[in-house]
């Protein structure tokens, strides 16, 4: 990214069912975390499915800058909270989106009295 290029700020909010197309796009375009499995996953795209369960359960937060540029989901076990998924649009990588989503989840956990597992 050049110095003259502007980084658009974003807000983080709870994802809603109407966001499904946008977050699925971010999910599919994100680099595969398991490089060794990438060819197999791309050969079988059905494996790269992300259900709307986390959205329906209120467990997804989305980073929005005119469009969804990242999202994270979490799971809770008793009083502990653990990040389950974290995806950032490839065009926004390295700009603090993922870091902001994690910080957002930590802040929510602190307010609700949950322990955070990293």
N, C-alpha and C. Protein backbone atom coordinates (compact mmCIF):
# COMPACT_ATOMS: atom_id res chain seq x y z
N UNK A 1 0.85 -1.18 0.00
CA UNK A 1 0.00 0.00 0.00
C UNK A 1 0.89 1.23 0.00
N UNK A 2 0.65 2.14 -0.92
CA UNK A 2 1.45 3.35 -1.00
C UNK A 2 1.06 4.38 0.04
N UNK A 3 1.94 5.35 0.29
CA UNK A 3 1.67 6.38 1.29
C UNK A 3 0.46 7.23 0.93
N UNK A 4 0.22 7.43 -0.38
CA UNK A 4 -0.87 8.30 -0.79
C UNK A 4 -2.23 7.61 -0.70
N UNK A 5 -2.25 6.30 -0.57
CA UNK A 5 -3.50 5.56 -0.50
C UNK A 5 -4.12 5.71 0.88
N UNK A 6 -5.40 6.05 0.90
CA UNK A 6 -6.10 6.27 2.18
C UNK A 6 -6.67 4.96 2.71
N UNK A 7 -6.50 4.71 4.00
CA UNK A 7 -7.10 3.57 4.65
C UNK A 7 -8.44 4.03 5.21
N UNK A 8 -9.51 3.42 4.72
CA UNK A 8 -10.84 3.81 5.18
C UNK A 8 -11.08 3.27 6.58
N UNK A 9 -11.55 4.11 7.49
CA UNK A 9 -11.87 3.63 8.84
C UNK A 9 -13.07 2.68 8.76
N UNK A 10 -13.27 1.94 9.80
CA UNK A 10 -14.39 1.00 9.84
C UNK A 10 -15.03 1.04 11.21
N UNK A 11 -16.23 0.52 11.28
CA UNK A 11 -16.89 0.34 12.57
C UNK A 11 -17.10 -1.15 12.77
N UNK A 12 -17.22 -1.55 14.00
CA UNK A 12 -17.46 -2.95 14.30
C UNK A 12 -18.84 -3.06 14.92
N UNK A 13 -19.63 -3.97 14.38
CA UNK A 13 -21.00 -4.15 14.86
C UNK A 13 -21.35 -5.63 14.82
N UNK A 14 -22.44 -5.96 15.48
CA UNK A 14 -22.94 -7.33 15.44
C UNK A 14 -23.45 -7.61 14.04
N UNK A 15 -23.07 -8.76 13.49
CA UNK A 15 -23.51 -9.15 12.16
C UNK A 15 -25.00 -9.49 12.18
N UNK A 16 -25.65 -9.28 11.06
CA UNK A 16 -27.07 -9.58 10.91
C UNK A 16 -27.26 -10.51 9.71
N UNK A 17 -28.39 -11.24 9.65
CA UNK A 17 -28.60 -12.17 8.54
C UNK A 17 -28.45 -11.54 7.16
N UNK A 18 -28.79 -10.27 7.00
CA UNK A 18 -28.65 -9.61 5.71
C UNK A 18 -27.20 -9.44 5.25
N UNK A 19 -26.26 -9.67 6.15
CA UNK A 19 -24.83 -9.56 5.82
C UNK A 19 -24.28 -10.84 5.18
N UNK A 20 -25.08 -11.90 5.11
CA UNK A 20 -24.58 -13.22 4.74
C UNK A 20 -23.78 -13.24 3.44
N UNK A 21 -24.27 -12.63 2.40
CA UNK A 21 -23.54 -12.64 1.13
C UNK A 21 -22.19 -11.96 1.27
N UNK A 22 -22.14 -10.86 1.99
CA UNK A 22 -20.89 -10.12 2.15
C UNK A 22 -19.86 -10.88 2.97
N UNK A 23 -20.27 -11.48 4.11
CA UNK A 23 -19.27 -12.18 4.90
C UNK A 23 -18.86 -13.49 4.27
N UNK A 24 -19.74 -14.12 3.52
CA UNK A 24 -19.33 -15.32 2.78
C UNK A 24 -18.31 -14.97 1.70
N UNK A 25 -18.45 -13.80 1.09
CA UNK A 25 -17.47 -13.36 0.10
C UNK A 25 -16.10 -13.15 0.75
N UNK A 26 -16.08 -12.49 1.90
CA UNK A 26 -14.81 -12.29 2.62
C UNK A 26 -14.21 -13.65 2.98
N UNK A 27 -15.04 -14.56 3.47
CA UNK A 27 -14.59 -15.89 3.86
C UNK A 27 -13.95 -16.63 2.68
N UNK A 28 -14.60 -16.64 1.54
CA UNK A 28 -14.10 -17.37 0.38
C UNK A 28 -12.86 -16.72 -0.24
N UNK A 29 -12.75 -15.40 -0.16
CA UNK A 29 -11.59 -14.72 -0.76
C UNK A 29 -10.39 -14.67 0.16
N UNK A 30 -10.58 -14.97 1.44
CA UNK A 30 -9.48 -14.91 2.39
C UNK A 30 -8.47 -16.02 2.10
N UNK A 31 -7.20 -15.73 2.35
CA UNK A 31 -6.19 -16.77 2.13
C UNK A 31 -6.46 -17.97 3.02
N UNK A 32 -6.23 -19.14 2.48
CA UNK A 32 -6.44 -20.37 3.23
C UNK A 32 -5.42 -20.44 4.36
N UNK A 33 -5.89 -20.62 5.61
CA UNK A 33 -4.95 -20.65 6.73
C UNK A 33 -4.04 -21.87 6.72
N UNK A 34 -4.49 -22.97 6.15
CA UNK A 34 -3.67 -24.18 6.13
C UNK A 34 -3.11 -24.35 4.72
N UNK A 35 -1.96 -23.78 4.46
CA UNK A 35 -1.38 -23.79 3.12
C UNK A 35 -1.29 -25.20 2.53
N UNK A 36 -0.94 -26.19 3.35
CA UNK A 36 -0.81 -27.56 2.86
C UNK A 36 -2.15 -28.11 2.39
N UNK A 37 -3.24 -27.65 2.97
CA UNK A 37 -4.57 -28.17 2.61
C UNK A 37 -5.25 -27.34 1.53
N UNK A 38 -4.63 -26.24 1.11
CA UNK A 38 -5.27 -25.29 0.19
C UNK A 38 -5.78 -25.96 -1.09
N UNK A 39 -4.95 -26.74 -1.78
CA UNK A 39 -5.36 -27.36 -3.04
C UNK A 39 -6.58 -28.27 -2.83
N UNK A 40 -6.55 -29.05 -1.76
CA UNK A 40 -7.66 -29.95 -1.48
C UNK A 40 -8.93 -29.17 -1.17
N UNK A 41 -8.82 -28.11 -0.37
CA UNK A 41 -9.99 -27.31 -0.04
C UNK A 41 -10.57 -26.62 -1.27
N UNK A 42 -9.71 -26.12 -2.14
CA UNK A 42 -10.20 -25.44 -3.33
C UNK A 42 -10.80 -26.44 -4.32
N UNK A 43 -10.31 -27.67 -4.33
CA UNK A 43 -10.86 -28.71 -5.19
C UNK A 43 -12.23 -29.18 -4.71
N UNK A 44 -12.50 -28.97 -3.44
CA UNK A 44 -13.77 -29.37 -2.84
C UNK A 44 -14.39 -28.17 -2.12
N UNK A 45 -14.90 -27.20 -2.90
CA UNK A 45 -15.38 -25.95 -2.29
C UNK A 45 -16.52 -26.12 -1.30
N UNK A 46 -17.23 -27.22 -1.33
CA UNK A 46 -18.30 -27.45 -0.37
C UNK A 46 -17.79 -27.48 1.06
N UNK A 47 -16.52 -27.83 1.22
CA UNK A 47 -15.90 -27.85 2.55
C UNK A 47 -15.76 -26.42 3.07
N UNK A 48 -15.62 -25.47 2.14
CA UNK A 48 -15.45 -24.07 2.52
C UNK A 48 -16.81 -23.41 2.75
N UNK A 49 -17.62 -24.04 3.55
CA UNK A 49 -18.95 -23.51 3.85
C UNK A 49 -18.93 -22.88 5.22
N UNK A 50 -19.62 -21.80 5.35
CA UNK A 50 -19.74 -21.11 6.64
C UNK A 50 -21.23 -20.91 6.87
N UNK A 51 -21.74 -21.52 7.89
CA UNK A 51 -23.18 -21.43 8.15
C UNK A 51 -23.51 -20.09 8.81
N UNK A 52 -24.78 -19.80 8.86
CA UNK A 52 -25.23 -18.58 9.52
C UNK A 52 -25.52 -18.76 10.99
N UNK A 53 -25.14 -19.91 11.56
CA UNK A 53 -25.45 -20.19 12.96
C UNK A 53 -24.89 -19.13 13.91
N UNK A 54 -23.65 -18.73 13.72
CA UNK A 54 -23.05 -17.72 14.61
C UNK A 54 -23.80 -16.40 14.52
N UNK A 55 -24.28 -16.05 13.33
CA UNK A 55 -25.07 -14.81 13.18
C UNK A 55 -26.39 -14.96 13.91
N UNK A 56 -27.06 -16.08 13.70
CA UNK A 56 -28.36 -16.30 14.35
C UNK A 56 -28.23 -16.32 15.87
N UNK A 57 -27.09 -16.79 16.36
CA UNK A 57 -26.87 -16.84 17.81
C UNK A 57 -26.24 -15.56 18.36
N UNK A 58 -25.99 -14.57 17.49
CA UNK A 58 -25.41 -13.31 17.94
C UNK A 58 -23.93 -13.42 18.29
N UNK A 59 -23.21 -14.39 17.69
CA UNK A 59 -21.80 -14.62 18.00
C UNK A 59 -20.86 -14.15 16.90
N UNK A 60 -21.30 -13.25 16.04
CA UNK A 60 -20.43 -12.73 14.99
C UNK A 60 -20.41 -11.21 15.04
N UNK A 61 -19.21 -10.66 14.97
CA UNK A 61 -19.05 -9.22 14.88
C UNK A 61 -18.42 -8.94 13.52
N UNK A 62 -18.87 -7.89 12.86
CA UNK A 62 -18.40 -7.54 11.52
C UNK A 62 -17.72 -6.18 11.53
N UNK A 63 -16.62 -6.08 10.80
CA UNK A 63 -15.94 -4.80 10.57
C UNK A 63 -16.48 -4.26 9.25
N UNK A 64 -17.01 -3.04 9.29
CA UNK A 64 -17.67 -2.47 8.12
C UNK A 64 -17.02 -1.15 7.73
N UNK A 65 -16.65 -1.04 6.46
CA UNK A 65 -16.12 0.20 5.90
C UNK A 65 -16.79 0.38 4.54
N UNK A 66 -18.07 0.73 4.56
CA UNK A 66 -18.85 0.81 3.33
C UNK A 66 -19.35 -0.57 2.92
N UNK A 67 -18.63 -1.59 3.30
CA UNK A 67 -18.96 -3.00 3.08
C UNK A 67 -18.26 -3.79 4.18
N UNK A 68 -18.61 -5.05 4.33
CA UNK A 68 -17.94 -5.87 5.34
C UNK A 68 -16.52 -6.16 4.87
N UNK A 69 -15.56 -5.83 5.73
CA UNK A 69 -14.15 -6.03 5.40
C UNK A 69 -13.50 -7.06 6.32
N UNK A 70 -14.26 -7.59 7.26
CA UNK A 70 -13.75 -8.63 8.14
C UNK A 70 -14.82 -9.02 9.13
N UNK A 71 -14.62 -10.20 9.73
CA UNK A 71 -15.55 -10.64 10.76
C UNK A 71 -14.88 -11.66 11.66
N UNK A 72 -15.43 -11.78 12.83
CA UNK A 72 -14.94 -12.77 13.78
C UNK A 72 -16.11 -13.39 14.51
N UNK A 73 -15.97 -14.68 14.82
CA UNK A 73 -16.97 -15.37 15.62
C UNK A 73 -16.28 -15.93 16.86
N UNK A 74 -17.07 -16.24 17.86
CA UNK A 74 -16.51 -16.78 19.08
C UNK A 74 -17.43 -17.86 19.62
N UNK A 75 -16.88 -18.65 20.51
CA UNK A 75 -17.67 -19.65 21.21
C UNK A 75 -17.48 -19.41 22.70
N UNK A 76 -18.48 -19.75 23.45
CA UNK A 76 -18.43 -19.61 24.90
C UNK A 76 -18.57 -20.98 25.54
N UNK A 77 -17.78 -21.18 26.58
CA UNK A 77 -17.88 -22.40 27.37
C UNK A 77 -17.91 -21.95 28.83
N UNK A 78 -19.10 -21.92 29.39
CA UNK A 78 -19.23 -21.40 30.74
C UNK A 78 -18.90 -19.92 30.75
N UNK A 79 -17.92 -19.55 31.53
CA UNK A 79 -17.52 -18.14 31.62
C UNK A 79 -16.37 -17.79 30.69
N UNK A 80 -15.86 -18.77 29.94
CA UNK A 80 -14.73 -18.52 29.03
C UNK A 80 -15.23 -18.25 27.61
N UNK A 81 -14.50 -17.40 26.91
CA UNK A 81 -14.80 -17.06 25.53
C UNK A 81 -13.55 -17.31 24.70
N UNK A 82 -13.74 -17.93 23.53
CA UNK A 82 -12.61 -18.19 22.65
C UNK A 82 -12.98 -17.78 21.23
N UNK A 83 -12.05 -17.08 20.55
CA UNK A 83 -12.28 -16.74 19.14
C UNK A 83 -12.35 -18.04 18.35
N UNK A 84 -13.38 -18.15 17.54
CA UNK A 84 -13.59 -19.35 16.73
C UNK A 84 -13.06 -19.12 15.32
N UNK A 85 -13.44 -18.01 14.72
CA UNK A 85 -13.02 -17.66 13.35
C UNK A 85 -12.65 -16.19 13.30
N UNK A 86 -11.72 -15.87 12.44
CA UNK A 86 -11.34 -14.48 12.19
C UNK A 86 -10.92 -14.39 10.74
N UNK A 87 -11.65 -13.62 9.96
CA UNK A 87 -11.36 -13.46 8.54
C UNK A 87 -11.33 -11.98 8.19
N UNK A 88 -10.36 -11.61 7.38
CA UNK A 88 -10.21 -10.22 6.93
C UNK A 88 -10.11 -10.23 5.41
N UNK A 89 -10.82 -9.30 4.77
CA UNK A 89 -10.75 -9.16 3.32
C UNK A 89 -9.29 -9.01 2.91
N UNK A 90 -8.85 -9.73 1.88
CA UNK A 90 -7.45 -9.64 1.46
C UNK A 90 -7.00 -8.19 1.18
N UNK A 91 -7.90 -7.35 0.71
CA UNK A 91 -7.55 -5.95 0.43
C UNK A 91 -7.33 -5.14 1.71
N UNK A 92 -7.76 -5.65 2.86
CA UNK A 92 -7.64 -4.93 4.13
C UNK A 92 -6.61 -5.53 5.07
N UNK A 93 -5.94 -6.57 4.63
CA UNK A 93 -4.96 -7.22 5.51
C UNK A 93 -3.83 -6.25 5.83
N UNK A 94 -3.33 -6.35 7.05
CA UNK A 94 -2.23 -5.51 7.49
C UNK A 94 -2.63 -4.09 7.86
N UNK A 95 -3.93 -3.84 7.97
CA UNK A 95 -4.41 -2.49 8.28
C UNK A 95 -5.10 -2.42 9.64
N UNK A 96 -4.97 -3.47 10.44
CA UNK A 96 -5.51 -3.44 11.79
C UNK A 96 -6.93 -3.95 11.95
N UNK A 97 -7.54 -4.45 10.88
CA UNK A 97 -8.92 -4.92 10.96
C UNK A 97 -9.04 -6.13 11.89
N UNK A 98 -8.20 -7.13 11.69
CA UNK A 98 -8.23 -8.32 12.54
C UNK A 98 -7.93 -7.99 13.98
N UNK A 99 -6.93 -7.15 14.19
CA UNK A 99 -6.55 -6.73 15.55
C UNK A 99 -7.74 -6.02 16.22
N UNK A 100 -8.44 -5.18 15.47
CA UNK A 100 -9.59 -4.46 16.03
C UNK A 100 -10.74 -5.42 16.37
N UNK A 101 -10.96 -6.44 15.55
CA UNK A 101 -12.00 -7.41 15.85
C UNK A 101 -11.68 -8.19 17.13
N UNK A 102 -10.41 -8.56 17.31
CA UNK A 102 -10.02 -9.27 18.54
C UNK A 102 -10.17 -8.34 19.75
N UNK A 103 -9.72 -7.11 19.61
CA UNK A 103 -9.84 -6.15 20.72
C UNK A 103 -11.31 -5.91 21.08
N UNK A 104 -12.17 -5.86 20.06
CA UNK A 104 -13.60 -5.69 20.29
C UNK A 104 -14.15 -6.85 21.12
N UNK A 105 -13.77 -8.07 20.77
CA UNK A 105 -14.26 -9.25 21.50
C UNK A 105 -13.73 -9.26 22.93
N UNK A 106 -12.48 -8.86 23.12
CA UNK A 106 -11.91 -8.79 24.47
C UNK A 106 -12.66 -7.75 25.31
N UNK A 107 -12.96 -6.60 24.72
CA UNK A 107 -13.69 -5.55 25.44
C UNK A 107 -15.08 -6.04 25.85
N UNK A 108 -15.76 -6.75 24.96
CA UNK A 108 -17.08 -7.28 25.29
C UNK A 108 -16.97 -8.31 26.41
N UNK A 109 -15.96 -9.17 26.34
CA UNK A 109 -15.77 -10.18 27.38
C UNK A 109 -15.52 -9.53 28.73
N UNK A 110 -14.75 -8.48 28.74
CA UNK A 110 -14.47 -7.79 30.02
C UNK A 110 -15.74 -7.19 30.60
N UNK A 111 -16.56 -6.59 29.76
CA UNK A 111 -17.81 -5.98 30.22
C UNK A 111 -18.76 -7.04 30.77
N UNK A 112 -18.78 -8.21 30.13
CA UNK A 112 -19.70 -9.26 30.56
C UNK A 112 -19.10 -10.17 31.62
N UNK A 113 -17.83 -9.93 31.98
CA UNK A 113 -17.19 -10.72 33.03
C UNK A 113 -16.70 -12.09 32.58
N UNK A 114 -16.52 -12.26 31.26
CA UNK A 114 -16.04 -13.54 30.74
C UNK A 114 -14.52 -13.58 30.73
N UNK A 115 -13.98 -14.78 30.84
CA UNK A 115 -12.54 -14.98 30.69
C UNK A 115 -12.26 -15.15 29.20
N UNK A 116 -11.14 -14.61 28.73
CA UNK A 116 -10.80 -14.67 27.31
C UNK A 116 -9.67 -15.65 27.09
N UNK A 117 -9.86 -16.58 26.15
CA UNK A 117 -8.81 -17.54 25.78
C UNK A 117 -8.26 -17.10 24.43
N UNK A 118 -6.95 -17.00 24.32
CA UNK A 118 -6.34 -16.57 23.05
C UNK A 118 -5.69 -17.72 22.36
